[in-house]
PDB file of N, CA and C in Angstrom:
ATOM      1  N   MET A   1     103.801 109.856  63.478  1.00  0.00           N
ATOM      2  CA  MET A   1     103.051 108.683  64.389  1.00  0.00           C
ATOM      3  C   MET A   1     103.974 108.939  65.779  1.00  0.00           C
ATOM      4  N   ALA A   2     103.060 108.830  66.417  1.00  0.00           N
ATOM      5  CA  ALA A   2     103.700 109.595  68.235  1.00  0.00           C
ATOM      6  C   ALA A   2     104.369 107.787  68.505  1.00  0.00           C
ATOM      7  N   HIS A   3     105.316 108.262  69.328  1.00  0.00           N
ATOM      8  CA  HIS A   3     106.451 106.966  69.780  1.00  0.00           C
ATOM      9  C   HIS A   3     105.407 106.810  71.001  1.00  0.00           C
ATOM     10  N   PHE A   4     104.837 105.385  70.780  1.00  0.00           N
ATOM     11  CA  PHE A   4     104.721 104.624  72.401  1.00  0.00           C
ATOM     12  C   PHE A   4     105.371 103.449  72.807  1.00  0.00           C
ATOM     13  N   GLU A   5     105.177 103.071  74.089  1.00  0.00           N
ATOM     14  CA  GLU A   5     105.613 101.838  74.864  1.00  0.00           C
ATOM     15  C   GLU A   5     104.720 101.142  75.325  1.00  0.00           C
ATOM     16  N   ILE A   6     104.758  99.777  75.704  1.00  0.00           N
ATOM     17  CA  ILE A   6     104.403  98.967  76.400  1.00  0.00           C
ATOM     18  C   ILE A   6     104.973  98.617  77.642  1.00  0.00           C
ATOM     19  N   GLY A   7     104.468  98.614  79.056  1.00  0.00           N
ATOM     20  CA  GLY A   7     105.063  98.498  80.070  1.00  0.00           C
ATOM     21  C   GLY A   7     104.078  98.006  81.329  1.00  0.00           C
ATOM     22  N   THR A   8     104.561  97.922  82.773  1.00  0.00           N
ATOM     23  CA  THR A   8     103.648  97.518  83.953  1.00  0.00           C
ATOM     24  C   THR A   8     103.984  98.697  84.737  1.00  0.00           C
ATOM     25  N   VAL A   9     102.789  99.190  85.063  1.00  0.00           N
ATOM     26  CA  VAL A   9     102.631  99.762  86.262  1.00  0.00           C
ATOM     27  C   VAL A   9     103.119  99.526  87.882  1.00  0.00           C
ATOM     28  N   VAL A  10     104.436 100.307  88.138  1.00  0.00           N
ATOM     29  CA  VAL A  10     105.109  99.775  89.424  1.00  0.00           C
ATOM     30  C   VAL A  10     104.718 100.887  90.411  1.00  0.00           C
ATOM     31  N   SER A  11     103.986 101.999  89.990  1.00  0.00           N
ATOM     32  CA  SER A  11     103.939 102.957  91.226  1.00  0.00           C
ATOM     33  C   SER A  11     102.554 103.886  90.833  1.00  0.00           C
ATOM     34  N   ALA A  12     101.720 103.820  91.742  1.00  0.00           N
ATOM     35  CA  ALA A  12     100.642 104.850  91.613  1.00  0.00           C
ATOM     36  C   ALA A  12      99.982 105.711  92.879  1.00  0.00           C
ATOM     37  N   LYS A  13     101.345 106.094  93.082  1.00  0.00           N
ATOM     38  CA  LYS A  13     101.054 106.578  94.526  1.00  0.00           C
ATOM     39  C   LYS A  13     101.045 108.422  94.498  1.00  0.00           C
ATOM     40  N   MET A  14     100.897 108.997  93.230  1.00  0.00           N
ATOM     41  CA  MET A  14     100.852 110.444  93.053  1.00  0.00           C
ATOM     42  C   MET A  14      99.735 110.263  92.440  1.00  0.00           C
ATOM     43  N   PRO A  15      99.241 111.707  92.491  1.00  0.00           N
ATOM     44  CA  PRO A  15      97.922 112.205  91.861  1.00  0.00           C
ATOM     45  C   PRO A  15      97.995 112.004  90.286  1.00  0.00           C
ATOM     46  N   LYS A  16      97.188 111.267  89.406  1.00  0.00           N
ATOM     47  CA  LYS A  16      97.166 111.248  88.067  1.00  0.00           C
ATOM     48  C   LYS A  16      98.310 111.164  87.336  1.00  0.00           C
ATOM     49  N   THR A  17      99.309 110.957  88.174  1.00  0.00           N
ATOM     50  CA  THR A  17     100.672 110.317  87.974  1.00  0.00           C
ATOM     51  C   THR A  17     100.924 108.877  88.034  1.00  0.00           C
ATOM     52  N   VAL A  18     101.930 107.958  87.258  1.00  0.00           N
ATOM     53  CA  VAL A  18     101.801 106.610  87.221  1.00  0.00           C
ATOM     54  C   VAL A  18     103.321 106.385  87.003  1.00  0.00           C
ATOM     55  N   VAL A  19     104.083 105.497  87.616  1.00  0.00           N
ATOM     56  CA  VAL A  19     104.951 105.128  86.946  1.00  0.00           C
ATOM     57  C   VAL A  19     105.298 103.762  86.373  1.00  0.00           C
ATOM     58  N   VAL A  20     106.110 103.895  85.276  1.00  0.00           N
ATOM     59  CA  VAL A  20     105.325 102.774  84.071  1.00  0.00           C
ATOM     60  C   VAL A  20     106.930 102.034  84.007  1.00  0.00           C
ATOM     61  N   LYS A  21     107.266 100.479  84.050  1.00  0.00           N
ATOM     62  CA  LYS A  21     108.506 100.148  83.982  1.00  0.00           C
ATOM     63  C   LYS A  21     108.386  99.399  82.413  1.00  0.00           C
ATOM     64  N   VAL A  22     109.323  99.959  81.447  1.00  0.00           N
ATOM     65  CA  VAL A  22     109.467  99.139  79.992  1.00  0.00           C
ATOM     66  C   VAL A  22     110.235  98.683  80.063  1.00  0.00           C
ATOM     67  N   ALA A  23     110.415  97.325  79.462  1.00  0.00           N
ATOM     68  CA  ALA A  23     111.436  96.232  79.515  1.00  0.00           C
ATOM     69  C   ALA A  23     111.949  96.412  78.113  1.00  0.00           C
ATOM     70  N   ARG A  24     113.407  96.258  77.546  1.00  0.00           N
ATOM     71  CA  ARG A  24     113.395  95.349  75.954  1.00  0.00           C
ATOM     72  C   ARG A  24     114.602  94.480  76.179  1.00  0.00           C
ATOM     73  N   ARG A  25     114.700  94.254  75.247  1.00  0.00           N
ATOM     74  CA  ARG A  25     115.687  93.146  74.762  1.00  0.00           C
ATOM     75  C   ARG A  25     116.527  93.217  74.058  1.00  0.00           C
ATOM     76  N   VAL A  26     117.914  93.389  74.450  1.00  0.00           N
ATOM     77  CA  VAL A  26     119.123  93.887  73.204  1.00  0.00           C
ATOM     78  C   VAL A  26     120.021  92.562  73.175  1.00  0.00           C
ATOM     79  N   LYS A  27     120.865  92.657  72.585  1.00  0.00           N
ATOM     80  CA  LYS A  27     121.854  91.552  72.079  1.00  0.00           C
ATOM     81  C   LYS A  27     123.099  92.714  72.695  1.00  0.00           C
ATOM     82  N   HIS A  28     123.973  91.927  73.960  1.00  0.00           N
ATOM     83  CA  HIS A  28     125.117  92.442  73.913  1.00  0.00           C
ATOM     84  C   HIS A  28     126.110  92.197  73.000  1.00  0.00           C
ATOM     85  N   PRO A  29     126.976  93.755  73.171  1.00  0.00           N
ATOM     86  CA  PRO A  29     127.790  93.789  71.754  1.00  0.00           C
ATOM     87  C   PRO A  29     129.009  92.645  71.798  1.00  0.00           C
ATOM     88  N   LEU A  30     129.500  92.097  72.916  1.00  0.00           N
ATOM     89  CA  LEU A  30     130.618  91.561  72.841  1.00  0.00           C
ATOM     90  C   LEU A  30     129.999  90.022  73.118  1.00  0.00           C
ATOM     91  N   TYR A  31     129.202  89.685  74.135  1.00  0.00           N
ATOM     92  CA  TYR A  31     128.865  88.227  74.426  1.00  0.00           C
ATOM     93  C   TYR A  31     127.987  87.603  73.544  1.00  0.00           C
ATOM     94  N   LYS A  32     126.886  88.449  72.647  1.00  0.00           N
ATOM     95  CA  LYS A  32     126.266  88.174  71.871  1.00  0.00           C
ATOM     96  C   LYS A  32     124.984  87.271  72.569  1.00  0.00           C
ATOM     97  N   LYS A  33     125.131  87.958  73.851  1.00  0.00           N
ATOM     98  CA  LYS A  33     123.608  87.125  74.226  1.00  0.00           C
ATOM     99  C   LYS A  33     122.594  87.940  74.655  1.00  0.00           C
ATOM    100  N   LEU A  34     121.415  87.612  74.884  1.00  0.00           N
ATOM    101  CA  LEU A  34     120.073  88.624  74.850  1.00  0.00           C
ATOM    102  C   LEU A  34     119.746  89.024  76.582  1.00  0.00           C
ATOM    103  N   VAL A  35     119.910  90.366  76.908  1.00  0.00           N
ATOM    104  CA  VAL A  35     119.711  90.801  78.072  1.00  0.00           C
ATOM    105  C   VAL A  35     118.877  91.974  78.473  1.00  0.00           C
ATOM    106  N   THR A  36     118.100  91.835  79.152  1.00  0.00           N
ATOM    107  CA  THR A  36     116.839  92.854  79.321  1.00  0.00           C
ATOM    108  C   THR A  36     117.430  93.782  80.166  1.00  0.00           C
ATOM    109  N   LYS A  37     116.953  95.147  79.274  1.00  0.00           N
ATOM    110  CA  LYS A  37     117.006  96.573  79.857  1.00  0.00           C
ATOM    111  C   LYS A  37     115.604  96.886  80.413  1.00  0.00           C
ATOM    112  N   THR A  38     115.846  97.609  81.410  1.00  0.00           N
ATOM    113  CA  THR A  38     114.370  98.489  81.799  1.00  0.00           C
ATOM    114  C   THR A  38     114.760  99.848  81.544  1.00  0.00           C
ATOM    115  N   LYS A  39     113.777 100.430  82.037  1.00  0.00           N
ATOM    116  CA  LYS A  39     113.570 101.864  82.222  1.00  0.00           C
ATOM    117  C   LYS A  39     112.245 102.373  82.418  1.00  0.00           C
ATOM    118  N   LYS A  40     112.053 103.134  83.418  1.00  0.00           N
ATOM    119  CA  LYS A  40     110.717 103.737  84.157  1.00  0.00           C
ATOM    120  C   LYS A  40     110.649 105.182  83.530  1.00  0.00           C
ATOM    121  N   PHE A  41     109.320 105.189  83.344  1.00  0.00           N
ATOM    122  CA  PHE A  41     108.951 106.476  82.917  1.00  0.00           C
ATOM    123  C   PHE A  41     107.455 107.101  83.640  1.00  0.00           C
ATOM    124  N   LYS A  42     107.678 108.110  83.992  1.00  0.00           N
ATOM    125  CA  LYS A  42     106.651 108.576  84.653  1.00  0.00           C
ATOM    126  C   LYS A  42     105.123 109.053  83.834  1.00  0.00           C
ATOM    127  N   ALA A  43     104.107 108.941  83.580  1.00  0.00           N
ATOM    128  CA  ALA A  43     103.196 109.188  82.679  1.00  0.00           C
ATOM    129  C   ALA A  43     101.932 109.565  83.372  1.00  0.00           C
ATOM    130  N   HIS A  44     101.603 110.802  82.778  1.00  0.00           N
ATOM    131  CA  HIS A  44     100.036 111.204  83.259  1.00  0.00           C
ATOM    132  C   HIS A  44      98.755 110.233  83.123  1.00  0.00           C
ATOM    133  N   ASN A  45      97.932 110.069  84.191  1.00  0.00           N
ATOM    134  CA  ASN A  45      97.314 108.903  84.286  1.00  0.00           C
ATOM    135  C   ASN A  45      95.583 109.616  84.351  1.00  0.00           C
ATOM    136  N   GLU A  46      94.861 109.821  83.116  1.00  0.00           N
ATOM    137  CA  GLU A  46      93.323 110.250  83.228  1.00  0.00           C
ATOM    138  C   GLU A  46      92.623 109.321  83.708  1.00  0.00           C
ATOM    139  N   ILE A  47      92.955 107.753  83.505  1.00  0.00           N
ATOM    140  CA  ILE A  47      92.481 106.596  83.778  1.00  0.00           C
ATOM    141  C   ILE A  47      92.784 105.765  84.924  1.00  0.00           C
ATOM    142  N   ASP A  48      91.704 105.041  85.496  1.00  0.00           N
ATOM    143  CA  ASP A  48      91.998 104.785  86.576  1.00  0.00           C
ATOM    144  C   ASP A  48      93.218 103.273  86.396  1.00  0.00           C
ATOM    145  N   VAL A  49      94.573 103.379  86.875  1.00  0.00           N
ATOM    146  CA  VAL A  49      94.889 101.967  86.365  1.00  0.00           C
ATOM    147  C   VAL A  49      95.735 101.568  87.732  1.00  0.00           C
ATOM    148  N   GLN A  50      95.944 100.309  87.919  1.00  0.00           N
ATOM    149  CA  GLN A  50      96.613  99.918  89.308  1.00  0.00           C
ATOM    150  C   GLN A  50      97.771  99.402  89.129  1.00  0.00           C
ATOM    151  N   ILE A  51      98.540  98.848  90.106  1.00  0.00           N
ATOM    152  CA  ILE A  51     100.169  98.781  90.051  1.00  0.00           C
ATOM    153  C   ILE A  51      99.711  97.000  89.561  1.00  0.00           C
ATOM    154  N   GLY A  52     100.741  96.718  88.441  1.00  0.00           N
ATOM    155  CA  GLY A  52     100.955  95.510  87.762  1.00  0.00           C
ATOM    156  C   GLY A  52     100.137  95.393  86.631  1.00  0.00           C
ATOM    157  N   GLN A  53      99.243  96.387  86.288  1.00  0.00           N
ATOM    158  CA  GLN A  53      98.367  96.126  84.997  1.00  0.00           C
ATOM    159  C   GLN A  53      99.797  96.649  83.540  1.00  0.00           C
ATOM    160  N   LYS A  54      99.250  96.356  82.594  1.00  0.00           N
ATOM    161  CA  LYS A  54     100.093  96.416  81.603  1.00  0.00           C
ATOM    162  C   LYS A  54      99.357  97.565  80.907  1.00  0.00           C
ATOM    163  N   VAL A  55      99.655  98.687  80.588  1.00  0.00           N
ATOM    164  CA  VAL A  55      99.701  99.689  79.832  1.00  0.00           C
ATOM    165  C   VAL A  55     100.394 100.074  78.774  1.00  0.00           C
ATOM    166  N   LYS A  56      99.619 100.894  77.658  1.00  0.00           N
ATOM    167  CA  LYS A  56     100.288 101.472  76.741  1.00  0.00           C
ATOM    168  C   LYS A  56     100.650 103.105  76.976  1.00  0.00           C
ATOM    169  N   ILE A  57     101.432 103.477  76.918  1.00  0.00           N
ATOM    170  CA  ILE A  57     101.943 104.847  76.853  1.00  0.00           C
ATOM    171  C   ILE A  57     102.849 105.814  75.540  1.00  0.00           C
ATOM    172  N   VAL A  58     102.155 106.881  75.595  1.00  0.00           N
ATOM    173  CA  VAL A  58     102.601 107.678  74.535  1.00  0.00           C
ATOM    174  C   VAL A  58     103.324 108.918  75.053  1.00  0.00           C
ATOM    175  N   GLU A  59     104.223 109.087  73.907  1.00  0.00           N
ATOM    176  CA  GLU A  59     105.125 110.417  74.221  1.00  0.00           C
ATOM    177  C   GLU A  59     104.156 111.679  74.007  1.00  0.00           C
ATOM    178  N   THR A  60     104.372 112.407  74.753  1.00  0.00           N
ATOM    179  CA  THR A  60     103.359 113.604  74.432  1.00  0.00           C
ATOM    180  C   THR A  60     104.054 114.852  74.927  1.00  0.00           C
ATOM    181  N   LYS A  61     103.719 116.069  74.854  1.00  0.00           N
ATOM    182  CA  LYS A  61     104.244 117.331  75.418  1.00  0.00           C
ATOM    183  C   LYS A  61     104.554 117.271  76.803  1.00  0.00           C
ATOM    184  N   PRO A  62     105.928 118.152  77.295  1.00  0.00           N
ATOM    185  CA  PRO A  62     105.727 118.028  79.104  1.00  0.00           C
ATOM    186  C   PRO A  62     104.287 118.355  79.467  1.00  0.00           C
ATOM    187  N   VAL A  63     104.065 117.387  80.425  1.00  0.00           N
ATOM    188  CA  VAL A  63     102.917 117.525  81.287  1.00  0.00           C
ATOM    189  C   VAL A  63     103.433 118.400  82.910  1.00  0.00           C
ATOM    190  N   ALA A  64     104.650 117.906  83.295  1.00  0.00           N
ATOM    191  CA  ALA A  64     105.245 118.738  84.371  1.00  0.00           C
ATOM    192  C   ALA A  64     106.559 118.523  83.933  1.00  0.00           C
ATOM    193  N   LYS A  65     107.431 118.529  85.351  1.00  0.00           N
ATOM    194  CA  LYS A  65     108.872 119.081  84.952  1.00  0.00           C
ATOM    195  C   LYS A  65     109.313 117.425  84.602  1.00  0.00           C
ATOM    196  N   ASP A  66     108.924 116.150  84.580  1.00  0.00           N
ATOM    197  CA  ASP A  66     109.717 115.233  84.422  1.00  0.00           C
ATOM    198  C   ASP A  66     108.378 113.998  83.772  1.00  0.00           C
ATOM    199  N   VAL A  67     107.600 114.545  83.338  1.00  0.00           N
ATOM    200  CA  VAL A  67     106.146 113.901  82.984  1.00  0.00           C
ATOM    201  C   VAL A  67     105.906 114.285  81.417  1.00  0.00           C
ATOM    202  N   HIS A  68     106.592 113.116  80.623  1.00  0.00           N
ATOM    203  CA  HIS A  68     106.686 113.686  79.232  1.00  0.00           C
ATOM    204  C   HIS A  68     105.724 112.190  78.246  1.00  0.00           C
ATOM    205  N   PHE A  69     104.936 111.878  79.323  1.00  0.00           N
ATOM    206  CA  PHE A  69     104.335 110.533  78.700  1.00  0.00           C
ATOM    207  C   PHE A  69     102.992 110.468  79.232  1.00  0.00           C
ATOM    208  N   LYS A  70     101.802 109.998  78.594  1.00  0.00           N
ATOM    209  CA  LYS A  70     100.584 109.682  79.388  1.00  0.00           C
ATOM    210  C   LYS A  70      99.912 108.208  78.785  1.00  0.00           C
ATOM    211  N   VAL A  71      99.183 107.655  79.543  1.00  0.00           N
ATOM    212  CA  VAL A  71      98.878 106.357  79.724  1.00  0.00           C
ATOM    213  C   VAL A  71      97.607 106.601  78.391  1.00  0.00           C
ATOM    214  N   MET A  72      97.702 105.601  77.810  1.00  0.00           N
ATOM    215  CA  MET A  72      96.586 105.619  76.406  1.00  0.00           C
ATOM    216  C   MET A  72      95.548 104.552  76.344  1.00  0.00           C
ATOM    217  N   GLU A  73      95.825 103.489  77.173  1.00  0.00           N
ATOM    218  CA  GLU A  73      95.039 102.427  77.610  1.00  0.00           C
ATOM    219  C   GLU A  73      95.518 101.238  78.418  1.00  0.00           C
ATOM    220  N   VAL A  74      94.775 100.244  78.806  1.00  0.00           N
ATOM    221  CA  VAL A  74      95.250  99.165  79.618  1.00  0.00           C
ATOM    222  C   VAL A  74      95.319  98.022  78.702  1.00  0.00           C
ATOM    223  N   VAL A  75      96.459  97.255  78.628  1.00  0.00           N
ATOM    224  CA  VAL A  75      96.378  96.150  77.819  1.00  0.00           C
ATOM    225  C   VAL A  75      96.470  94.986  78.514  1.00  0.00           C
ATOM    226  N   SER A  76      95.214  93.764  78.059  1.00  0.00           N
ATOM    227  CA  SER A  76      95.537  92.694  79.083  1.00  0.00           C
ATOM    228  C   SER A  76      96.401  91.909  79.030  1.00  0.00           C
TER     229      SER A  76
END
């Protein structure tokens, strides 16, 4: 099964590539408080998505030097 993430599109300035910010919540090891950690992924974009939309991205073989994900669908 392929590895996928759900995140928000933060940039769509490149042709056929979008930047998706994925947030996850983890418990701090010392203070035991939930902390939000974010990471940005570049994803290949065949469908037309806009900034602010939630999308599902799936890991794939490298499309470019730093593009290893592709946009599967728009999540409402």
